[in-house]
N, C-alpha and C. Protein backbone atom coordinates (compact mmCIF):
# COMPACT_ATOMS: atom_id res chain seq x y z
N MET A 1 107.43 120.18 101.20
CA MET A 1 105.64 120.50 101.17
C MET A 1 105.59 120.81 99.55
N ARG A 2 106.93 122.13 99.45
CA ARG A 2 106.02 122.80 98.27
C ARG A 2 106.17 121.90 96.90
N SER A 3 107.16 121.04 96.95
CA SER A 3 107.32 120.40 95.51
C SER A 3 106.02 119.44 95.35
N LEU A 4 105.06 118.61 96.52
CA LEU A 4 104.15 118.20 96.36
C LEU A 4 103.05 118.80 96.16
N TYR A 5 103.13 120.01 96.54
CA TYR A 5 102.10 121.05 96.02
C TYR A 5 101.90 121.74 93.83
N ASN A 6 103.31 121.65 94.13
CA ASN A 6 103.75 121.43 92.62
C ASN A 6 102.73 120.66 91.77
N GLN A 7 103.48 118.56 92.61
CA GLN A 7 103.24 117.83 91.47
C GLN A 7 101.81 117.49 91.60
N THR A 8 100.95 118.34 92.80
CA THR A 8 99.58 118.13 92.46
C THR A 8 98.97 118.77 91.76
N LEU A 9 99.69 120.19 91.44
CA LEU A 9 99.27 120.94 90.51
C LEU A 9 99.09 120.71 88.60
N ALA A 10 100.43 119.91 88.83
CA ALA A 10 100.55 119.51 87.34
C ALA A 10 99.79 118.38 87.14
N LYS A 11 99.35 117.78 88.17
CA LYS A 11 98.84 116.41 87.53
C LYS A 11 97.23 116.70 87.73
N GLU A 12 96.94 118.15 88.19
CA GLU A 12 95.76 118.50 87.49
C GLU A 12 95.15 119.35 86.48
N LYS A 13 96.46 119.99 85.50
CA LYS A 13 96.54 120.44 84.46
C LYS A 13 97.18 119.55 83.74
N GLU A 14 97.45 118.09 84.25
CA GLU A 14 97.21 117.04 83.80
C GLU A 14 95.94 116.59 82.92
N LEU A 15 95.23 116.20 84.12
CA LEU A 15 94.18 115.94 84.52
C LEU A 15 93.20 116.60 83.13
N GLU A 16 93.01 117.63 83.78
CA GLU A 16 92.02 119.07 82.95
C GLU A 16 92.43 118.65 81.45
N LYS A 17 93.72 118.60 80.71
CA LYS A 17 93.99 118.66 79.29
C LYS A 17 93.65 117.09 79.09
N ALA A 18 93.31 116.16 79.81
CA ALA A 18 93.24 114.79 79.16
C ALA A 18 91.40 114.80 79.31
N GLN A 19 90.73 116.24 80.16
CA GLN A 19 89.28 115.86 79.98
C GLN A 19 89.15 116.72 79.08
N ALA A 20 89.52 118.07 78.92
CA ALA A 20 89.52 118.66 77.48
C ALA A 20 89.64 117.80 75.90
N GLN A 21 90.37 116.50 76.14
CA GLN A 21 90.87 116.10 74.79
C GLN A 21 89.56 114.69 74.90
N LEU A 22 89.69 114.55 75.48
CA LEU A 22 88.08 113.77 76.21
C LEU A 22 87.36 114.45 75.23
N ASN A 23 86.64 115.06 75.86
CA ASN A 23 85.40 116.19 75.38
C ASN A 23 85.59 116.44 73.61
N ASP A 24 86.15 116.50 73.46
CA ASP A 24 86.88 116.81 72.00
C ASP A 24 86.17 115.49 71.15
N SER A 25 86.44 114.87 72.08
CA SER A 25 86.56 113.49 70.96
C SER A 25 85.08 113.15 70.91
N GLU A 26 84.70 112.66 72.14
CA GLU A 26 83.12 112.48 72.17
C GLU A 26 82.22 114.09 71.51
N LEU A 27 82.84 114.96 71.03
CA LEU A 27 82.18 115.52 70.12
C LEU A 27 82.41 115.01 68.66
N GLN A 28 83.85 115.12 68.50
CA GLN A 28 83.88 114.73 67.18
C GLN A 28 83.46 112.88 66.97
N ARG A 29 82.72 112.78 67.96
CA ARG A 29 81.92 110.81 67.83
C ARG A 29 80.97 111.32 66.96
N LYS A 30 80.05 112.60 68.15
CA LYS A 30 78.80 112.86 67.81
C LYS A 30 78.58 113.19 66.15
N ALA A 31 79.49 114.45 65.77
CA ALA A 31 79.46 114.44 65.02
C ALA A 31 79.42 113.72 63.55
N CYS A 32 80.25 112.67 64.11
CA CYS A 32 80.94 111.22 63.38
C CYS A 32 79.36 110.63 62.97
N GLU A 33 78.61 110.90 64.42
CA GLU A 33 77.25 109.89 64.66
C GLU A 33 76.71 110.15 63.45
N ASN A 34 76.22 111.69 62.77
CA ASN A 34 75.74 112.19 62.29
C ASN A 34 75.46 112.33 61.30
N LEU A 35 76.80 112.23 60.77
CA LEU A 35 77.40 112.37 59.69
C LEU A 35 76.68 111.43 59.20
N LEU A 36 77.17 110.07 59.59
CA LEU A 36 76.60 108.68 59.17
C LEU A 36 74.88 108.33 59.48
N LEU A 37 74.39 109.01 59.72
CA LEU A 37 73.10 108.68 60.02
C LEU A 37 72.73 110.02 58.92
N GLU A 38 73.00 111.01 58.43
CA GLU A 38 73.00 111.81 57.53
C GLU A 38 72.85 110.63 56.17
N ALA A 39 74.43 110.12 55.80
CA ALA A 39 74.83 109.42 55.06
C ALA A 39 73.61 108.26 54.79
N ASN A 40 73.58 107.75 55.90
CA ASN A 40 72.25 105.67 56.21
C ASN A 40 71.31 106.91 55.11
N GLN A 41 70.53 107.96 55.76
CA GLN A 41 69.11 108.54 55.07
C GLN A 41 69.49 108.97 53.88
N ARG A 42 70.22 108.97 53.14
CA ARG A 42 70.60 109.76 51.46
C ARG A 42 70.58 108.59 50.93
N ILE A 43 71.49 107.49 51.69
CA ILE A 43 71.01 105.91 50.74
C ILE A 43 69.98 105.41 50.39
N LYS A 44 69.45 105.72 52.51
CA LYS A 44 67.86 105.11 51.99
C LYS A 44 66.67 105.89 50.98
N CYS A 45 67.15 107.08 50.98
CA CYS A 45 66.52 107.56 49.48
C CYS A 45 66.74 107.21 48.18
N LEU A 46 68.18 107.50 48.47
CA LEU A 46 68.14 106.89 47.11
C LEU A 46 67.66 104.89 46.82
N GLU A 47 67.78 104.03 47.80
CA GLU A 47 67.44 103.17 47.44
C GLU A 47 65.88 103.67 46.90
N GLU A 48 65.09 103.92 47.33
CA GLU A 48 63.29 104.43 47.17
C GLU A 48 63.51 104.78 45.86
N GLN A 49 64.48 106.01 45.31
CA GLN A 49 64.25 106.37 43.90
C GLN A 49 64.62 105.40 43.39
N CYS A 50 65.76 104.83 42.96
CA CYS A 50 66.26 103.52 42.41
C CYS A 50 64.84 102.62 42.13
N GLU A 51 64.26 102.74 43.38
CA GLU A 51 63.38 101.17 43.34
C GLU A 51 62.73 101.85 42.23
N LYS A 52 61.68 103.31 42.47
CA LYS A 52 60.42 103.38 42.01
C LYS A 52 60.79 103.84 39.94
N SER A 53 61.75 103.75 40.28
CA SER A 53 62.72 104.17 38.73
C SER A 53 62.61 102.30 38.16
N ALA A 54 62.77 101.30 38.50
CA ALA A 54 62.70 99.66 38.34
C ALA A 54 61.31 99.40 38.38
N ILE A 55 60.56 100.34 38.64
CA ILE A 55 59.23 99.94 38.59
C ILE A 55 58.77 101.11 37.55
N LYS A 56 58.97 101.90 37.09
CA LYS A 56 58.07 102.32 36.02
C LYS A 56 59.46 102.02 34.93
N VAL A 57 60.54 101.23 35.07
CA VAL A 57 60.98 100.34 34.02
C VAL A 57 60.10 99.98 33.67
N GLU A 58 60.15 99.18 34.51
CA GLU A 58 58.94 97.25 34.23
C GLU A 58 57.60 97.87 34.17
N LYS A 59 57.20 98.58 34.43
CA LYS A 59 55.73 98.67 33.51
C LYS A 59 56.00 99.64 32.29
N THR A 60 56.76 100.57 32.30
CA THR A 60 57.30 100.63 30.42
C THR A 60 57.50 100.20 29.62
N ALA A 61 58.41 98.93 30.06
CA ALA A 61 58.58 97.65 29.07
C ALA A 61 57.34 96.89 29.00
N GLY A 62 56.33 97.05 29.91
CA GLY A 62 55.53 95.69 29.48
C GLY A 62 54.65 96.27 29.69
N SER A 63 54.33 97.84 29.06
CA SER A 63 53.31 98.55 28.03
C SER A 63 54.05 98.65 26.79
N THR A 64 55.37 98.75 26.69
CA THR A 64 55.90 98.88 25.45
C THR A 64 55.63 97.29 24.87
N THR A 65 55.41 96.23 25.29
CA THR A 65 55.52 94.88 24.81
C THR A 65 54.14 94.21 24.79
N SER A 66 52.96 95.58 24.93
CA SER A 66 51.95 95.53 24.50
C SER A 66 51.22 95.75 23.67
N LEU A 67 52.14 97.10 23.67
CA LEU A 67 52.06 98.15 22.06
C LEU A 67 52.54 97.46 21.01
N ARG A 68 53.61 97.08 21.16
CA ARG A 68 54.00 95.71 20.20
C ARG A 68 52.79 94.92 19.52
N LYS A 69 53.17 94.03 20.41
CA LYS A 69 51.49 92.76 20.23
C LYS A 69 50.55 93.70 19.70
N LEU A 70 49.92 94.73 20.70
CA LEU A 70 48.74 95.07 19.54
C LEU A 70 48.94 95.31 18.28
N GLN A 71 50.28 96.20 18.04
CA GLN A 71 51.17 96.40 16.49
C GLN A 71 50.47 95.14 15.81
N GLN A 72 51.47 94.50 16.17
CA GLN A 72 51.46 93.11 15.51
C GLN A 72 50.18 92.75 14.98
N ASP A 73 49.33 92.55 15.66
CA ASP A 73 47.40 92.27 16.07
C ASP A 73 46.99 92.72 15.02
N MET A 74 47.29 94.03 14.91
CA MET A 74 46.63 94.70 14.14
C MET A 74 46.69 94.82 12.16
N GLN A 75 47.84 94.69 12.73
CA GLN A 75 49.05 94.49 11.22
C GLN A 75 48.06 92.85 10.37
N GLU A 76 48.08 91.98 11.57
CA GLU A 76 47.63 90.84 10.92
C GLU A 76 45.87 90.84 10.88
N TRP A 77 45.84 91.97 11.55
CA TRP A 77 43.88 91.70 11.07
C TRP A 77 44.14 92.34 10.00
N ARG A 78 44.91 93.11 9.32
CA ARG A 78 44.35 93.48 8.52
C ARG A 78 45.14 93.04 7.09
N LYS A 79 45.94 92.68 7.41
CA LYS A 79 46.57 91.13 6.11
C LYS A 79 45.21 90.82 6.15
N GLN A 80 44.72 89.67 7.35
CA GLN A 80 43.57 88.60 6.62
C GLN A 80 42.50 89.44 6.09
N SER A 81 41.82 90.79 6.76
CA SER A 81 40.91 91.16 5.68
C SER A 81 40.97 92.29 4.40
N ASP A 82 42.54 92.26 3.71
CA ASP A 82 42.87 92.45 2.59
C ASP A 82 42.35 91.25 2.25
N SER A 83 42.89 89.78 2.63
CA SER A 83 43.40 88.94 2.04
C SER A 83 41.55 88.47 1.31
N ASN A 84 40.92 89.02 2.29
CA ASN A 84 38.95 88.42 2.84
C ASN A 84 38.43 89.59 1.64
N LEU A 85 39.09 90.54 1.87
CA LEU A 85 38.10 91.04 0.71
C LEU A 85 38.88 91.19 -0.89
N ARG A 86 39.54 90.52 -0.76
CA ARG A 86 40.55 89.82 -2.98
C ARG A 86 39.46 88.79 -2.78
């Protein structure tokens, strides 16, 4: 009878230990989920910044191209004006 009681106590201790490990694992899982969520939010933020930068680069490139074209047109106009004045 005493032996059966000791076995029961040992099994209860094993069960408590397993439950504690399970609880620890659950906490670690939640911590990992939070890290993953934070990482995904950071990735989204970086993607948005990258997209904004790409749009800015496109606009700048377009403005630069327009400015060059305008400068070329003005140089042409000056050349024609000088030719016409002579």
